[in-house]
Amino acid sequence: MRHHLSKSSEADFISREHLVRLLVQQIERTFATDGRDQALHDVADMLRGLDEAALRALVHRQGLQSEDELTEPEVDSARAEGTGEGE
């Protein structure tokens, strides 16, 4: 059974797909003209522009960390700075 989207939902979907396509094309051009390192640098800059919730959702969706790991950044920061408990 096919689900029908409302006109506004369909327009939102098309708009999002267009934006994704623009970004992918930009990354592709950077890889082709400036090489892998520059393209990865540009991708990193794009990711840094996301708010933390979107970045965490993306990491989780990619299976890179569990929800538990994603909700405890201050513990990791404290360990990295050498200020964790027991020191």
N, C-alpha and C. Protein backbone atom coordinates (compact mmCIF):
# COMPACT_ATOMS: atom_id res chain seq x y z
N MET A 1 0.85 -1.18 0.00
CA MET A 1 0.00 0.00 0.00
C MET A 1 0.89 1.25 0.00
N ARG A 2 0.60 2.16 -0.84
CA ARG A 2 1.38 3.38 -0.96
C ARG A 2 0.76 4.46 -0.08
N HIS A 3 1.61 5.11 0.71
CA HIS A 3 1.14 6.20 1.56
C HIS A 3 1.24 7.51 0.80
N HIS A 4 0.18 8.28 0.87
CA HIS A 4 0.17 9.57 0.20
C HIS A 4 0.63 10.64 1.16
N LEU A 5 1.58 11.43 0.72
CA LEU A 5 2.08 12.55 1.51
C LEU A 5 1.22 13.77 1.26
N SER A 6 1.09 14.59 2.27
CA SER A 6 0.41 15.87 2.04
C SER A 6 1.29 16.70 1.11
N LYS A 7 0.70 17.70 0.51
CA LYS A 7 1.47 18.57 -0.40
C LYS A 7 2.64 19.22 0.32
N SER A 8 2.44 19.66 1.56
CA SER A 8 3.54 20.31 2.29
C SER A 8 4.62 19.30 2.66
N SER A 9 4.23 18.08 3.03
CA SER A 9 5.22 17.05 3.35
C SER A 9 6.02 16.66 2.11
N GLU A 10 5.33 16.56 0.99
CA GLU A 10 6.01 16.24 -0.26
C GLU A 10 6.98 17.36 -0.65
N ALA A 11 6.56 18.60 -0.48
CA ALA A 11 7.42 19.74 -0.79
C ALA A 11 8.63 19.76 0.14
N ASP A 12 8.43 19.46 1.42
CA ASP A 12 9.54 19.40 2.37
C ASP A 12 10.53 18.32 1.97
N PHE A 13 10.01 17.16 1.59
CA PHE A 13 10.87 16.05 1.17
C PHE A 13 11.69 16.43 -0.05
N ILE A 14 11.05 17.02 -1.03
CA ILE A 14 11.74 17.43 -2.26
C ILE A 14 12.80 18.48 -1.95
N SER A 15 12.45 19.41 -1.09
CA SER A 15 13.40 20.46 -0.71
C SER A 15 14.62 19.88 0.00
N ARG A 16 14.38 18.95 0.94
CA ARG A 16 15.49 18.31 1.67
C ARG A 16 16.38 17.52 0.72
N GLU A 17 15.75 16.78 -0.20
CA GLU A 17 16.52 15.99 -1.17
C GLU A 17 17.37 16.90 -2.06
N HIS A 18 16.82 18.03 -2.44
CA HIS A 18 17.56 19.00 -3.25
C HIS A 18 18.78 19.51 -2.47
N LEU A 19 18.59 19.83 -1.20
CA LEU A 19 19.69 20.32 -0.37
C LEU A 19 20.77 19.25 -0.20
N VAL A 20 20.35 18.01 0.01
CA VAL A 20 21.31 16.91 0.13
C VAL A 20 22.09 16.77 -1.16
N ARG A 21 21.39 16.82 -2.28
CA ARG A 21 22.04 16.69 -3.58
C ARG A 21 23.07 17.81 -3.80
N LEU A 22 22.72 19.04 -3.42
CA LEU A 22 23.66 20.16 -3.55
C LEU A 22 24.93 19.91 -2.73
N LEU A 23 24.76 19.44 -1.51
CA LEU A 23 25.93 19.18 -0.65
C LEU A 23 26.78 18.04 -1.20
N VAL A 24 26.15 16.98 -1.65
CA VAL A 24 26.89 15.85 -2.21
C VAL A 24 27.67 16.28 -3.45
N GLN A 25 27.03 17.08 -4.29
CA GLN A 25 27.72 17.58 -5.49
C GLN A 25 28.91 18.45 -5.12
N GLN A 26 28.76 19.27 -4.08
CA GLN A 26 29.88 20.10 -3.63
C GLN A 26 31.04 19.24 -3.14
N ILE A 27 30.73 18.23 -2.37
CA ILE A 27 31.77 17.33 -1.87
C ILE A 27 32.44 16.61 -3.03
N GLU A 28 31.64 16.15 -3.99
CA GLU A 28 32.18 15.47 -5.16
C GLU A 28 33.13 16.38 -5.95
N ARG A 29 32.73 17.65 -6.13
CA ARG A 29 33.60 18.60 -6.85
C ARG A 29 34.90 18.83 -6.08
N THR A 30 34.80 18.91 -4.75
CA THR A 30 36.00 19.13 -3.95
C THR A 30 36.94 17.95 -4.06
N PHE A 31 36.40 16.73 -4.00
CA PHE A 31 37.24 15.54 -4.18
C PHE A 31 37.93 15.59 -5.54
N ALA A 32 37.18 15.95 -6.58
CA ALA A 32 37.71 15.94 -7.94
C ALA A 32 38.76 17.02 -8.16
N THR A 33 38.56 18.19 -7.60
CA THR A 33 39.48 19.30 -7.89
C THR A 33 40.56 19.51 -6.83
N ASP A 34 40.22 19.33 -5.56
CA ASP A 34 41.16 19.64 -4.49
C ASP A 34 41.70 18.42 -3.77
N GLY A 35 41.15 17.25 -4.08
CA GLY A 35 41.66 16.02 -3.49
C GLY A 35 40.93 15.60 -2.22
N ARG A 36 41.29 14.41 -1.80
CA ARG A 36 40.64 13.76 -0.66
C ARG A 36 40.78 14.55 0.63
N ASP A 37 41.98 14.99 0.96
CA ASP A 37 42.20 15.68 2.23
C ASP A 37 41.36 16.94 2.35
N GLN A 38 41.30 17.73 1.30
CA GLN A 38 40.50 18.95 1.34
C GLN A 38 39.02 18.63 1.42
N ALA A 39 38.59 17.62 0.68
CA ALA A 39 37.18 17.24 0.73
C ALA A 39 36.79 16.78 2.14
N LEU A 40 37.63 15.98 2.77
CA LEU A 40 37.34 15.54 4.14
C LEU A 40 37.36 16.71 5.11
N HIS A 41 38.25 17.66 4.90
CA HIS A 41 38.29 18.86 5.73
C HIS A 41 36.97 19.64 5.58
N ASP A 42 36.49 19.76 4.35
CA ASP A 42 35.24 20.47 4.10
C ASP A 42 34.05 19.74 4.72
N VAL A 43 34.05 18.40 4.65
CA VAL A 43 32.98 17.63 5.28
C VAL A 43 33.00 17.85 6.79
N ALA A 44 34.19 17.83 7.37
CA ALA A 44 34.32 18.07 8.81
C ALA A 44 33.78 19.44 9.18
N ASP A 45 34.07 20.45 8.38
CA ASP A 45 33.54 21.79 8.63
C ASP A 45 32.02 21.82 8.55
N MET A 46 31.45 21.10 7.58
CA MET A 46 29.99 21.02 7.47
C MET A 46 29.40 20.37 8.72
N LEU A 47 30.03 19.29 9.17
CA LEU A 47 29.52 18.59 10.36
C LEU A 47 29.62 19.48 11.60
N ARG A 48 30.69 20.25 11.70
CA ARG A 48 30.84 21.16 12.84
C ARG A 48 29.73 22.20 12.86
N GLY A 49 29.15 22.49 11.72
CA GLY A 49 28.06 23.47 11.63
C GLY A 49 26.72 22.94 12.12
N LEU A 50 26.62 21.63 12.32
CA LEU A 50 25.37 21.05 12.82
C LEU A 50 25.24 21.31 14.31
N ASP A 51 24.00 21.45 14.78
CA ASP A 51 23.83 21.57 16.23
C ASP A 51 24.13 20.20 16.85
N GLU A 52 24.37 20.20 18.15
CA GLU A 52 24.81 18.98 18.82
C GLU A 52 23.78 17.85 18.70
N ALA A 53 22.51 18.17 18.78
CA ALA A 53 21.47 17.14 18.68
C ALA A 53 21.51 16.46 17.31
N ALA A 54 21.66 17.24 16.27
CA ALA A 54 21.72 16.67 14.92
C ALA A 54 22.99 15.85 14.74
N LEU A 55 24.09 16.33 15.28
CA LEU A 55 25.35 15.60 15.18
C LEU A 55 25.28 14.28 15.94
N ARG A 56 24.72 14.31 17.14
CA ARG A 56 24.56 13.08 17.92
C ARG A 56 23.64 12.09 17.21
N ALA A 57 22.56 12.58 16.62
CA ALA A 57 21.63 11.71 15.88
C ALA A 57 22.34 11.07 14.69
N LEU A 58 23.15 11.82 14.01
CA LEU A 58 23.88 11.29 12.86
C LEU A 58 24.87 10.22 13.30
N VAL A 59 25.60 10.47 14.37
CA VAL A 59 26.56 9.49 14.90
C VAL A 59 25.82 8.21 15.30
N HIS A 60 24.70 8.38 16.00
CA HIS A 60 23.93 7.21 16.43
C HIS A 60 23.38 6.45 15.24
N ARG A 61 22.85 7.16 14.26
CA ARG A 61 22.28 6.52 13.06
C ARG A 61 23.34 5.73 12.31
N GLN A 62 24.57 6.19 12.35
CA GLN A 62 25.66 5.48 11.68
C GLN A 62 26.18 4.31 12.51
N GLY A 63 25.65 4.16 13.73
CA GLY A 63 26.06 3.05 14.58
C GLY A 63 27.44 3.23 15.19
N LEU A 64 27.88 4.48 15.31
CA LEU A 64 29.22 4.74 15.80
C LEU A 64 29.30 4.76 17.32
N GLN A 65 28.20 5.05 17.99
CA GLN A 65 28.13 5.04 19.44
C GLN A 65 26.73 4.67 19.86
N SER A 66 26.62 4.09 21.05
CA SER A 66 25.29 3.78 21.57
C SER A 66 24.70 5.04 22.19
N GLU A 67 23.41 5.02 22.47
CA GLU A 67 22.76 6.16 23.13
C GLU A 67 23.44 6.47 24.46
N ASP A 68 23.82 5.44 25.23
CA ASP A 68 24.47 5.66 26.53
C ASP A 68 25.77 6.43 26.36
N GLU A 69 26.57 6.06 25.37
CA GLU A 69 27.83 6.76 25.13
C GLU A 69 27.58 8.20 24.70
N LEU A 70 26.51 8.41 23.97
CA LEU A 70 26.21 9.74 23.45
C LEU A 70 25.70 10.69 24.52
N THR A 71 25.21 10.17 25.63
CA THR A 71 24.62 11.05 26.65
C THR A 71 25.59 11.38 27.77
N GLU A 72 26.85 10.96 27.68
CA GLU A 72 27.80 11.22 28.75
C GLU A 72 29.07 11.91 28.26
N PRO A 73 28.96 13.03 27.52
CA PRO A 73 30.17 13.66 26.98
C PRO A 73 31.06 14.26 28.07
N GLU A 74 30.47 14.72 29.17
CA GLU A 74 31.28 15.34 30.21
C GLU A 74 32.22 14.34 30.87
N VAL A 75 31.87 13.06 30.91
CA VAL A 75 32.75 12.04 31.47
C VAL A 75 33.97 11.88 30.58
N ASP A 76 33.75 11.79 29.27
CA ASP A 76 34.86 11.67 28.34
C ASP A 76 35.74 12.90 28.37
N SER A 77 35.14 14.09 28.46
CA SER A 77 35.91 15.33 28.51
C SER A 77 36.78 15.38 29.75
N ALA A 78 36.22 14.96 30.88
CA ALA A 78 36.98 14.98 32.13
C ALA A 78 38.15 14.02 32.06
N ARG A 79 37.96 12.85 31.45
CA ARG A 79 39.06 11.91 31.31
C ARG A 79 40.14 12.46 30.40
N ALA A 80 39.73 13.09 29.31
CA ALA A 80 40.71 13.64 28.36
C ALA A 80 41.53 14.75 28.99
N GLU A 81 40.91 15.52 29.90
CA GLU A 81 41.61 16.64 30.55
C GLU A 81 42.37 16.19 31.78
N GLY A 82 42.23 14.91 32.17
CA GLY A 82 42.93 14.41 33.33
C GLY A 82 42.31 14.86 34.64
N THR A 83 41.01 15.18 34.63
CA THR A 83 40.34 15.66 35.84
C THR A 83 39.32 14.64 36.33
N GLY A 84 39.42 13.41 35.86
CA GLY A 84 38.46 12.40 36.28
C GLY A 84 38.63 12.03 37.73
N GLU A 85 37.63 11.39 38.28
CA GLU A 85 37.68 10.97 39.67
C GLU A 85 38.73 9.89 39.86
N GLY A 86 39.31 9.84 41.05
CA GLY A 86 40.27 8.81 41.36
C GLY A 86 41.68 9.17 40.97
N GLU A 87 41.92 10.39 40.56
CA GLU A 87 43.28 10.79 40.18
C GLU A 87 43.94 11.51 41.31
